[in-house]
C-alpha atoms as a PDB file:
ATOM      1  CA  MET A   1     -45.227  21.036  21.390  1.00  0.00           C
ATOM      2  CA  ASP A   2     -49.222  21.418  19.540  1.00  0.00           C
ATOM      3  CA  GLN A   3     -50.180  22.587  16.579  1.00  0.00           C
ATOM      4  CA  ALA A   4     -49.227  26.051  15.016  1.00  0.00           C
ATOM      5  CA  ALA A   5     -51.696  26.898  12.378  1.00  0.00           C
ATOM      6  CA  GLY A   6     -50.371  29.033  10.322  1.00  0.00           C
ATOM      7  CA  GLY A   7     -50.955  30.929   6.734  1.00  0.00           C
ATOM      8  CA  SER A   8     -49.643  31.877   3.212  1.00  0.00           C
ATOM      9  CA  PRO A   9     -48.981  35.751   4.409  1.00  0.00           C
ATOM     10  CA  GLN A  10     -50.064  38.067   0.668  1.00  0.00           C
ATOM     11  CA  ASP A  11     -49.395  41.912   0.416  1.00  0.00           C
ATOM     12  CA  VAL A  12     -53.310  42.869   0.484  1.00  0.00           C
ATOM     13  CA  ARG A  13     -52.390  46.042  -1.357  1.00  0.00           C
ATOM     14  CA  SER A  14     -52.590  46.627  -4.975  1.00  0.00           C
ATOM     15  CA  LEU A  15     -49.583  45.509  -6.604  1.00  0.00           C
ATOM     16  CA  PRO A  16     -47.927  44.695  -9.697  1.00  0.00           C
ATOM     17  CA  VAL A  17     -47.613  40.628 -10.582  1.00  0.00           C
ATOM     18  CA  CYS A  18     -44.654  38.688 -10.806  1.00  0.00           C
ATOM     19  CA  TYR A  19     -43.717  37.950 -14.983  1.00  0.00           C
ATOM     20  CA  ARG A  20     -42.915  34.598 -13.067  1.00  0.00           C
ATOM     21  CA  HIS A  21     -46.021  33.981 -11.135  1.00  0.00           C
ATOM     22  CA  PRO A  22     -48.944  35.566 -12.113  1.00  0.00           C
ATOM     23  CA  ASP A  23     -50.804  34.782  -8.732  1.00  0.00           C
ATOM     24  CA  ARG A  24     -48.156  36.534  -6.709  1.00  0.00           C
ATOM     25  CA  GLU A  25     -48.533  40.265  -6.128  1.00  0.00           C
ATOM     26  CA  THR A  26     -45.128  42.229  -5.648  1.00  0.00           C
ATOM     27  CA  GLY A  27     -43.710  45.831  -4.783  1.00  0.00           C
ATOM     28  CA  VAL A  28     -40.242  44.803  -6.129  1.00  0.00           C
ATOM     29  CA  ARG A  29     -38.970  44.881  -9.452  1.00  0.00           C
ATOM     30  CA  CYS A  30     -35.512  43.508 -11.790  1.00  0.00           C
ATOM     31  CA  THR A  31     -33.264  46.643 -11.518  1.00  0.00           C
ATOM     32  CA  ARG A  32     -31.918  45.695 -14.544  1.00  0.00           C
ATOM     33  CA  CYS A  33     -35.171  44.536 -16.617  1.00  0.00           C
ATOM     34  CA  GLU A  34     -37.604  46.192 -14.460  1.00  0.00           C
ATOM     35  CA  ARG A  35     -40.022  43.866 -14.577  1.00  0.00           C
ATOM     36  CA  PRO A  36     -41.759  42.916 -11.170  1.00  0.00           C
ATOM     37  CA  ILE A  37     -40.688  39.555  -8.865  1.00  0.00           C
ATOM     38  CA  CYS A  38     -41.742  38.092  -6.313  1.00  0.00           C
ATOM     39  CA  PRO A  39     -39.124  36.818  -2.911  1.00  0.00           C
ATOM     40  CA  GLU A  40     -38.767  33.808  -5.011  1.00  0.00           C
ATOM     41  CA  CYS A  41     -37.366  35.343  -8.012  1.00  0.00           C
ATOM     42  CA  MET A  42     -35.243  37.690  -6.195  1.00  0.00           C
ATOM     43  CA  VAL A  43     -31.530  37.622  -6.990  1.00  0.00           C
ATOM     44  CA  ASP A  44     -29.105  39.427  -4.833  1.00  0.00           C
ATOM     45  CA  ALA A  45     -27.074  42.534  -7.174  1.00  0.00           C
ATOM     46  CA  SER A  46     -25.002  44.813  -6.231  1.00  0.00           C
ATOM     47  CA  VAL A  47     -27.512  46.934  -5.984  1.00  0.00           C
ATOM     48  CA  GLY A  48     -31.318  45.750  -5.163  1.00  0.00           C
ATOM     49  CA  PHE A  49     -32.276  43.049  -6.876  1.00  0.00           C
ATOM     50  CA  GLN A  50     -32.517  41.141 -10.417  1.00  0.00           C
ATOM     51  CA  CYS A  51     -34.811  38.348 -11.798  1.00  0.00           C
ATOM     52  CA  PRO A  52     -33.474  35.048 -13.003  1.00  0.00           C
ATOM     53  CA  ASP A  53     -33.179  35.435 -17.007  1.00  0.00           C
ATOM     54  CA  CYS A  54     -31.061  38.910 -15.990  1.00  0.00           C
ATOM     55  CA  VAL A  55     -29.140  37.006 -14.041  1.00  0.00           C
ATOM     56  CA  ARG A  56     -28.486  34.207 -16.942  1.00  0.00           C
ATOM     57  CA  SER A  57     -28.075  36.556 -19.272  1.00  0.00           C
ATOM     58  CA  GLY A  58     -24.992  38.474 -17.481  1.00  0.00           C
ATOM     59  CA  GLY A  59     -26.932  40.559 -15.439  1.00  0.00           C
ATOM     60  CA  GLY A  60     -24.737  43.766 -16.335  1.00  0.00           C
ATOM     61  CA  THR A  61     -21.995  42.731 -14.306  1.00  0.00           C
ATOM     62  CA  GLY A  62     -19.554  42.380 -17.564  1.00  0.00           C
ATOM     63  CA  HIS A  63     -18.883  38.729 -16.419  1.00  0.00           C
ATOM     64  CA  ALA A  64     -19.969  35.601 -18.774  1.00  0.00           C
ATOM     65  CA  PRO A  65     -23.267  34.425 -17.651  1.00  0.00           C
ATOM     66  CA  GLY A  66     -22.894  31.185 -15.648  1.00  0.00           C
ATOM     67  CA  ALA A  67     -19.730  33.326 -14.334  1.00  0.00           C
ATOM     68  CA  SER A  68     -21.351  33.353 -10.715  1.00  0.00           C
ATOM     69  CA  ARG A  69     -24.203  31.656  -9.584  1.00  0.00           C
ATOM     70  CA  PRO A  70     -27.353  33.373  -8.261  1.00  0.00           C
ATOM     71  CA  ARG A  71     -27.805  34.587  -4.797  1.00  0.00           C
ATOM     72  CA  THR A  72     -30.851  34.509  -3.161  1.00  0.00           C
ATOM     73  CA  LEU A  73     -32.054  37.785  -0.726  1.00  0.00           C
ATOM     74  CA  ALA A  74     -30.198  36.405   2.069  1.00  0.00           C
ATOM     75  CA  GLY A  75     -26.765  35.437  -0.343  1.00  0.00           C
ATOM     76  CA  GLY A  76     -28.000  31.617  -0.416  1.00  0.00           C
ATOM     77  CA  THR A  77     -27.371  29.505  -3.913  1.00  0.00           C
ATOM     78  CA  VAL A  78     -30.689  30.256  -6.304  1.00  0.00           C
ATOM     79  CA  THR A  79     -31.830  26.066  -7.247  1.00  0.00           C
ATOM     80  CA  ALA A  80     -33.920  24.775  -9.780  1.00  0.00           C
ATOM     81  CA  ASP A  81     -36.090  23.342  -6.607  1.00  0.00           C
ATOM     82  CA  PRO A  82     -37.350  25.720  -4.281  1.00  0.00           C
ATOM     83  CA  ARG A  83     -39.352  23.785  -2.249  1.00  0.00           C
ATOM     84  CA  LEU A  84     -36.537  20.796  -2.045  1.00  0.00           C
ATOM     85  CA  LEU A  85     -35.968  20.969   1.673  1.00  0.00           C
ATOM     86  CA  THR A  86     -39.079  21.904   2.605  1.00  0.00           C
ATOM     87  CA  LYS A  87     -40.298  18.477   1.190  1.00  0.00           C
ATOM     88  CA  ILE A  88     -37.282  16.347   3.186  1.00  0.00           C
ATOM     89  CA  LEU A  89     -38.521  17.916   6.367  1.00  0.00           C
ATOM     90  CA  LEU A  90     -42.338  17.332   5.511  1.00  0.00           C
ATOM     91  CA  GLY A  91     -41.182  13.562   4.616  1.00  0.00           C
ATOM     92  CA  ILE A  92     -38.969  12.799   7.994  1.00  0.00           C
ATOM     93  CA  ASN A  93     -42.353  13.688  10.229  1.00  0.00           C
ATOM     94  CA  VAL A  94     -44.372  12.024   8.276  1.00  0.00           C
ATOM     95  CA  ALA A  95     -42.128   8.695   8.435  1.00  0.00           C
ATOM     96  CA  VAL A  96     -41.113   9.056  12.063  1.00  0.00           C
ATOM     97  CA  PHE A  97     -45.800   9.520  12.180  1.00  0.00           C
ATOM     98  CA  VAL A  98     -45.591   6.717  10.401  1.00  0.00           C
ATOM     99  CA  ALA A  99     -42.658   5.043  12.080  1.00  0.00           C
ATOM    100  CA  VAL A 100     -44.851   5.527  15.525  1.00  0.00           C
ATOM    101  CA  HIS A 101     -47.809   4.512  14.941  1.00  0.00           C
ATOM    102  CA  ALA A 102     -45.681   1.282  13.739  1.00  0.00           C
ATOM    103  CA  TRP A 103     -44.063  -0.051  16.517  1.00  0.00           C
ATOM    104  CA  PRO A 104     -45.549   2.510  19.729  1.00  0.00           C
ATOM    105  CA  SER A 105     -43.127   1.781  21.810  1.00  0.00           C
ATOM    106  CA  LEU A 106     -40.908   4.083  19.816  1.00  0.00           C
ATOM    107  CA  LEU A 107     -43.364   7.308  20.999  1.00  0.00           C
ATOM    108  CA  ASP A 108     -41.051   7.106  25.205  1.00  0.00           C
ATOM    109  CA  HIS A 109     -38.142   7.073  23.096  1.00  0.00           C
ATOM    110  CA  LEU A 110     -38.542  10.011  21.142  1.00  0.00           C
ATOM    111  CA  VAL A 111     -40.702  12.551  22.587  1.00  0.00           C
ATOM    112  CA  LEU A 112     -39.236  15.144  25.201  1.00  0.00           C
ATOM    113  CA  ILE A 113     -39.423  14.514  28.881  1.00  0.00           C
ATOM    114  CA  GLY A 114     -37.320  16.324  32.042  1.00  0.00           C
ATOM    115  CA  GLY A 115     -36.965  13.352  33.561  1.00  0.00           C
ATOM    116  CA  TRP A 116     -39.012  10.106  35.007  1.00  0.00           C
ATOM    117  CA  PRO A 117     -39.666  10.719  39.457  1.00  0.00           C
ATOM    118  CA  PRO A 118     -36.800   8.090  40.721  1.00  0.00           C
ATOM    119  CA  ALA A 119     -37.852   4.584  40.517  1.00  0.00           C
ATOM    120  CA  PRO A 120     -37.104   1.746  43.272  1.00  0.00           C
ATOM    121  CA  TYR A 121     -36.043  -0.354  40.245  1.00  0.00           C
ATOM    122  CA  GLY A 122     -34.814   0.162  37.113  1.00  0.00           C
ATOM    123  CA  PRO A 123     -33.150   3.618  35.452  1.00  0.00           C
ATOM    124  CA  THR A 124     -34.924   7.018  35.274  1.00  0.00           C
ATOM    125  CA  GLU A 125     -34.715   8.515  31.954  1.00  0.00           C
ATOM    126  CA  GLY A 126     -35.010  12.018  30.238  1.00  0.00           C
ATOM    127  CA  VAL A 127     -33.460  14.672  29.513  1.00  0.00           C
ATOM    128  CA  ALA A 128     -31.687  15.248  32.617  1.00  0.00           C
ATOM    129  CA  GLU A 129     -31.002  11.772  32.986  1.00  0.00           C
ATOM    130  CA  GLY A 130     -28.605  12.372  29.517  1.00  0.00           C
ATOM    131  CA  GLU A 131     -30.796  11.977  26.565  1.00  0.00           C
ATOM    132  CA  TRP A 132     -30.181  14.956  25.395  1.00  0.00           C
ATOM    133  CA  TYR A 133     -31.124  13.635  22.023  1.00  0.00           C
ATOM    134  CA  ARG A 134     -34.864  14.091  23.242  1.00  0.00           C
ATOM    135  CA  LEU A 135     -34.409  17.616  22.389  1.00  0.00           C
ATOM    136  CA  VAL A 136     -34.051  17.008  18.552  1.00  0.00           C
ATOM    137  CA  THR A 137     -36.365  13.800  17.640  1.00  0.00           C
ATOM    138  CA  SER A 138     -39.152  15.195  19.788  1.00  0.00           C
ATOM    139  CA  VAL A 139     -39.306  18.108  16.815  1.00  0.00           C
ATOM    140  CA  PHE A 140     -39.722  15.255  14.053  1.00  0.00           C
ATOM    141  CA  THR A 141     -42.131  13.405  16.911  1.00  0.00           C
ATOM    142  CA  HIS A 142     -46.365  13.507  16.756  1.00  0.00           C
ATOM    143  CA  GLU A 143     -49.287  11.106  17.792  1.00  0.00           C
ATOM    144  CA  ALA A 144     -52.514  12.410  16.755  1.00  0.00           C
ATOM    145  CA  VAL A 145     -53.358  12.566  12.918  1.00  0.00           C
ATOM    146  CA  TRP A 146     -54.617  16.272  13.616  1.00  0.00           C
ATOM    147  CA  HIS A 147     -51.318  17.548  15.594  1.00  0.00           C
ATOM    148  CA  ILE A 148     -49.496  16.553  12.643  1.00  0.00           C
ATOM    149  CA  ALA A 149     -51.722  17.727   9.657  1.00  0.00           C
ATOM    150  CA  PHE A 150     -51.738  21.023  11.551  1.00  0.00           C
ATOM    151  CA  ASN A 151     -47.684  21.467  11.842  1.00  0.00           C
ATOM    152  CA  MET A 152     -47.104  19.582   8.563  1.00  0.00           C
ATOM    153  CA  LEU A 153     -49.616  22.431   6.574  1.00  0.00           C
ATOM    154  CA  SER A 154     -47.817  25.273   8.267  1.00  0.00           C
ATOM    155  CA  LEU A 155     -44.522  23.844   6.877  1.00  0.00           C
ATOM    156  CA  TRP A 156     -45.758  23.750   3.342  1.00  0.00           C
ATOM    157  CA  TRP A 157     -46.726  27.274   3.291  1.00  0.00           C
ATOM    158  CA  LEU A 158     -44.260  29.044   5.314  1.00  0.00           C
ATOM    159  CA  GLY A 159     -41.452  26.737   4.570  1.00  0.00           C
ATOM    160  CA  GLY A 160     -41.748  27.261   0.755  1.00  0.00           C
ATOM    161  CA  PRO A 161     -41.303  30.997   0.469  1.00  0.00           C
ATOM    162  CA  LEU A 162     -38.235  31.004   3.370  1.00  0.00           C
ATOM    163  CA  GLU A 163     -36.418  28.352   1.687  1.00  0.00           C
ATOM    164  CA  ALA A 164     -36.509  30.226  -1.805  1.00  0.00           C
ATOM    165  CA  ALA A 165     -35.248  34.052   0.044  1.00  0.00           C
ATOM    166  CA  LEU A 166     -33.015  31.814   2.415  1.00  0.00           C
ATOM    167  CA  GLY A 167     -31.173  29.032   0.480  1.00  0.00           C
ATOM    168  CA  ARG A 168     -31.390  25.862   1.784  1.00  0.00           C
ATOM    169  CA  VAL A 169     -28.613  25.655   4.190  1.00  0.00           C
ATOM    170  CA  ARG A 170     -29.976  29.040   6.125  1.00  0.00           C
ATOM    171  CA  TYR A 171     -33.510  27.685   5.802  1.00  0.00           C
ATOM    172  CA  LEU A 172     -32.394  24.443   7.422  1.00  0.00           C
ATOM    173  CA  ALA A 173     -30.512  26.265  10.424  1.00  0.00           C
ATOM    174  CA  LEU A 174     -33.313  28.320  10.738  1.00  0.00           C
ATOM    175  CA  TYR A 175     -36.143  25.548  11.373  1.00  0.00           C
ATOM    176  CA  LEU A 176     -33.482  23.306  13.666  1.00  0.00           C
ATOM    177  CA  VAL A 177     -32.287  25.779  15.964  1.00  0.00           C
ATOM    178  CA  SER A 178     -35.243  27.623  16.270  1.00  0.00           C
ATOM    179  CA  GLY A 179     -37.143  23.638  16.948  1.00  0.00           C
ATOM    180  CA  LEU A 180     -34.315  23.645  19.225  1.00  0.00           C
ATOM    181  CA  ALA A 181     -35.096  26.809  21.239  1.00  0.00           C
ATOM    182  CA  GLY A 182     -38.508  25.651  21.709  1.00  0.00           C
ATOM    183  CA  SER A 183     -37.242  21.888  23.256  1.00  0.00           C
ATOM    184  CA  ALA A 184     -34.752  23.612  25.655  1.00  0.00           C
ATOM    185  CA  LEU A 185     -37.771  26.500  27.057  1.00  0.00           C
ATOM    186  CA  THR A 186     -40.464  23.629  27.119  1.00  0.00           C
ATOM    187  CA  TYR A 187     -37.649  21.477  29.058  1.00  0.00           C
ATOM    188  CA  LEU A 188     -36.869  24.491  31.285  1.00  0.00           C
ATOM    189  CA  LEU A 189     -40.233  25.526  32.375  1.00  0.00           C
ATOM    190  CA  ALA A 190     -42.334  22.549  31.883  1.00  0.00           C
ATOM    191  CA  THR A 191     -42.894  19.990  34.113  1.00  0.00           C
ATOM    192  CA  PRO A 192     -40.167  17.533  34.411  1.00  0.00           C
ATOM    193  CA  THR A 193     -42.527  14.539  34.447  1.00  0.00           C
ATOM    194  CA  THR A 194     -44.768  15.996  31.759  1.00  0.00           C
ATOM    195  CA  ALA A 195     -43.822  14.490  27.993  1.00  0.00           C
ATOM    196  CA  SER A 196     -43.888  16.972  25.060  1.00  0.00           C
ATOM    197  CA  LEU A 197     -43.749  16.677  21.266  1.00  0.00           C
ATOM    198  CA  GLY A 198     -44.020  17.999  17.772  1.00  0.00           C
ATOM    199  CA  ALA A 199     -42.769  20.808  14.935  1.00  0.00           C
ATOM    200  CA  SER A 200     -44.722  23.704  16.626  1.00  0.00           C
ATOM    201  CA  GLY A 201     -41.214  25.283  17.936  1.00  0.00           C
ATOM    202  CA  ALA A 202     -39.892  25.375  14.332  1.00  0.00           C
ATOM    203  CA  ILE A 203     -43.078  25.939  13.216  1.00  0.00           C
ATOM    204  CA  PHE A 204     -43.357  28.918  14.813  1.00  0.00           C
ATOM    205  CA  GLY A 205     -40.023  29.657  14.251  1.00  0.00           C
ATOM    206  CA  LEU A 206     -40.693  30.523  10.288  1.00  0.00           C
ATOM    207  CA  PHE A 207     -43.525  31.875  11.216  1.00  0.00           C
ATOM    208  CA  GLY A 208     -41.028  34.382  12.867  1.00  0.00           C
ATOM    209  CA  ALA A 209     -38.880  34.632  10.478  1.00  0.00           C
ATOM    210  CA  THR A 210     -41.395  34.943   7.776  1.00  0.00           C
ATOM    211  CA  ALA A 211     -42.410  38.450   9.782  1.00  0.00           C
ATOM    212  CA  VAL A 212     -38.999  39.936   9.708  1.00  0.00           C
ATOM    213  CA  LEU A 213     -38.923  38.507   5.733  1.00  0.00           C
ATOM    214  CA  MET A 214     -42.078  40.309   4.962  1.00  0.00           C
ATOM    215  CA  ARG A 215     -40.853  43.673   7.058  1.00  0.00           C
ATOM    216  CA  ARG A 216     -37.427  43.368   5.211  1.00  0.00           C
ATOM    217  CA  LEU A 217     -39.151  43.571   1.521  1.00  0.00           C
ATOM    218  CA  ASN A 218     -41.858  46.382   3.287  1.00  0.00           C
ATOM    219  CA  TYR A 219     -44.812  44.231   2.570  1.00  0.00           C
ATOM    220  CA  ASP A 220     -48.825  44.486   4.753  1.00  0.00           C
ATOM    221  CA  MET A 221     -48.050  43.097   7.681  1.00  0.00           C
ATOM    222  CA  ARG A 222     -51.446  43.281   8.910  1.00  0.00           C
ATOM    223  CA  PRO A 223     -52.116  39.513   7.272  1.00  0.00           C
ATOM    224  CA  VAL A 224     -48.980  37.716   9.201  1.00  0.00           C
ATOM    225  CA  ILE A 225     -49.974  40.124  12.768  1.00  0.00           C
ATOM    226  CA  ALA A 226     -53.283  38.945  12.058  1.00  0.00           C
ATOM    227  CA  LEU A 227     -52.092  35.221  11.829  1.00  0.00           C
ATOM    228  CA  LEU A 228     -49.616  35.552  14.673  1.00  0.00           C
ATOM    229  CA  VAL A 229     -52.442  36.903  16.979  1.00  0.00           C
ATOM    230  CA  ILE A 230     -54.820  33.698  16.048  1.00  0.00           C
ATOM    231  CA  ASN A 231     -51.830  31.697  16.693  1.00  0.00           C
ATOM    232  CA  LEU A 232     -50.722  32.598  20.245  1.00  0.00           C
ATOM    233  CA  ILE A 233     -54.439  32.771  21.478  1.00  0.00           C
ATOM    234  CA  PHE A 234     -54.610  29.335  20.221  1.00  0.00           C
ATOM    235  CA  THR A 235     -50.952  29.089  22.309  1.00  0.00           C
ATOM    236  CA  PHE A 236     -52.649  30.191  25.823  1.00  0.00           C
ATOM    237  CA  GLY A 237     -56.114  29.567  25.147  1.00  0.00           C
ATOM    238  CA  TRP A 238     -56.321  25.330  24.767  1.00  0.00           C
ATOM    239  CA  SER A 239     -55.298  23.485  27.253  1.00  0.00           C
ATOM    240  CA  ASN A 240     -52.427  20.243  26.942  1.00  0.00           C
ATOM    241  CA  ILE A 241     -50.776  23.104  24.478  1.00  0.00           C
ATOM    242  CA  ALA A 242     -46.681  23.555  25.441  1.00  0.00           C
ATOM    243  CA  TRP A 243     -46.783  27.094  25.205  1.00  0.00           C
ATOM    244  CA  GLN A 244     -43.060  27.290  25.929  1.00  0.00           C
ATOM    245  CA  ALA A 245     -42.310  25.629  22.642  1.00  0.00           C
ATOM    246  CA  HIS A 246     -44.355  28.440  20.649  1.00  0.00           C
ATOM    247  CA  ILE A 247     -42.673  30.577  22.387  1.00  0.00           C
ATOM    248  CA  GLY A 248     -39.503  29.602  22.198  1.00  0.00           C
ATOM    249  CA  GLY A 249     -39.634  28.915  18.787  1.00  0.00           C
ATOM    250  CA  LEU A 250     -40.861  32.002  17.748  1.00  0.00           C
ATOM    251  CA  VAL A 251     -38.704  34.244  19.947  1.00  0.00           C
ATOM    252  CA  ALA A 252     -35.337  32.048  18.190  1.00  0.00           C
ATOM    253  CA  GLY A 253     -37.006  32.590  14.305  1.00  0.00           C
ATOM    254  CA  VAL A 254     -37.315  36.108  15.109  1.00  0.00           C
ATOM    255  CA  VAL A 255     -33.999  36.604  16.348  1.00  0.00           C
ATOM    256  CA  ILE A 256     -32.512  34.324  13.371  1.00  0.00           C
ATOM    257  CA  GLY A 257     -34.363  35.985  10.920  1.00  0.00           C
ATOM    258  CA  TYR A 258     -33.328  39.355  11.347  1.00  0.00           C
ATOM    259  CA  GLY A 259     -29.612  38.283  11.427  1.00  0.00           C
ATOM    260  CA  MET A 260     -30.575  36.228   8.285  1.00  0.00           C
ATOM    261  CA  VAL A 261     -31.998  39.198   5.836  1.00  0.00           C
ATOM    262  CA  HIS A 262     -30.500  42.046   7.131  1.00  0.00           C
ATOM    263  CA  ALA A 263     -27.005  41.308   7.573  1.00  0.00           C
ATOM    264  CA  PRO A 264     -24.526  43.081   5.893  1.00  0.00           C
ATOM    265  CA  ARG A 265     -22.681  41.652   2.825  1.00  0.00           C
ATOM    266  CA  GLU A 266     -19.429  42.593   3.541  1.00  0.00           C
ATOM    267  CA  ARG A 267     -19.973  40.271   6.580  1.00  0.00           C
ATOM    268  CA  ARG A 268     -22.952  38.194   6.061  1.00  0.00           C
ATOM    269  CA  ALA A 269     -22.042  34.663   6.241  1.00  0.00           C
ATOM    270  CA  LEU A 270     -20.155  36.051  10.090  1.00  0.00           C
ATOM    271  CA  VAL A 271     -23.320  38.231  10.968  1.00  0.00           C
ATOM    272  CA  GLN A 272     -26.163  34.711  10.034  1.00  0.00           C
ATOM    273  CA  TYR A 273     -24.358  31.732  11.038  1.00  0.00           C
ATOM    274  CA  GLY A 274     -22.918  34.228  14.287  1.00  0.00           C
ATOM    275  CA  THR A 275     -26.833  34.393  15.190  1.00  0.00           C
ATOM    276  CA  CYS A 276     -27.673  30.828  14.388  1.00  0.00           C
ATOM    277  CA  ALA A 277     -24.640  30.470  16.963  1.00  0.00           C
ATOM    278  CA  LEU A 278     -25.346  32.936  19.648  1.00  0.00           C
ATOM    279  CA  VAL A 279     -29.031  31.200  19.301  1.00  0.00           C
ATOM    280  CA  LEU A 280     -27.854  28.117  19.783  1.00  0.00           C
ATOM    281  CA  ALA A 281     -25.383  28.862  22.809  1.00  0.00           C
ATOM    282  CA  VAL A 282     -28.041  29.981  24.643  1.00  0.00           C
ATOM    283  CA  VAL A 283     -30.174  26.769  24.542  1.00  0.00           C
ATOM    284  CA  VAL A 284     -27.297  24.792  25.517  1.00  0.00           C
ATOM    285  CA  LEU A 285     -27.111  27.257  28.282  1.00  0.00           C
ATOM    286  CA  LEU A 286     -30.980  26.925  29.218  1.00  0.00           C
ATOM    287  CA  THR A 287     -30.055  23.143  29.070  1.00  0.00           C
ATOM    288  CA  LEU A 288     -27.587  23.222  31.399  1.00  0.00           C
ATOM    289  CA  LEU A 289     -29.288  24.790  34.253  1.00  0.00           C
ATOM    290  CA  ARG A 290     -32.167  22.612  34.029  1.00  0.00           C
ATOM    291  CA  THR A 291     -30.122  19.829  34.276  1.00  0.00           C
ATOM    292  CA  LEU A 292     -28.591  21.127  37.288  1.00  0.00           C
ATOM    293  CA  GLN A 293     -31.664  21.706  38.707  1.00  0.00           C
ATOM    294  CA  LEU A 294     -33.078  18.228  38.149  1.00  0.00           C
ATOM    295  CA  THR A 295     -29.853  16.442  39.408  1.00  0.00           C
END
């Protein structure tokens, strides 16, 4: 899975700036104090969104301060560090990268490979031989410096705003399931003896979810569409890129992102996690089908 160069899409229209983040334009205002707020500062209220200050002061809901925890756009809990999970994911990727270069033989046990051709000696290896863990480990594995640099830069740009908008648990589900979807499509369509690795499936999942979120907030879609087109040009125009991982992650990210930000309030958790479970079920089904073909 090769790199997914990404950017931090911003609304190019002339809009007010968030009162807590003056560098961020926004078209959304707090329903209580009417100050402009960016996605990171939006707290889901009974009607519209409120700013963190109004939530801490009671938000006009009749509850005492602190009576209920403020929620993100998707219903997650607002946290003091909205990028904590993004930092952890970035750290895991870097740690695996360092480990692979310290112990080069480790790479053979982490990459995604469908199955080795039958050998006259020793056991075969690959997902088809039961090593399903490769669908996960390959998402956190990189070999080239430029590869991990592109992916981690994209993770930082796209992951932070999504983590703030979705909440940590929902954001983690999006990242992992998108990465697995990219691995599953690669396993299904790529040559089984071709090794694949990288976080690009997960990154493209974040890309798809970002587009859905921007649409939900009525932001200008032209920047994110332009970035998507550029990434797809690289995906299909550059050799040695597992385009299957990019497409699988992108489709999963769009589906999960839509379920996250458009879930009805009264059935929010059911719809959100049900969407993740549905995509994960498709991942398992594709993996089983490919395994049957190769065994």
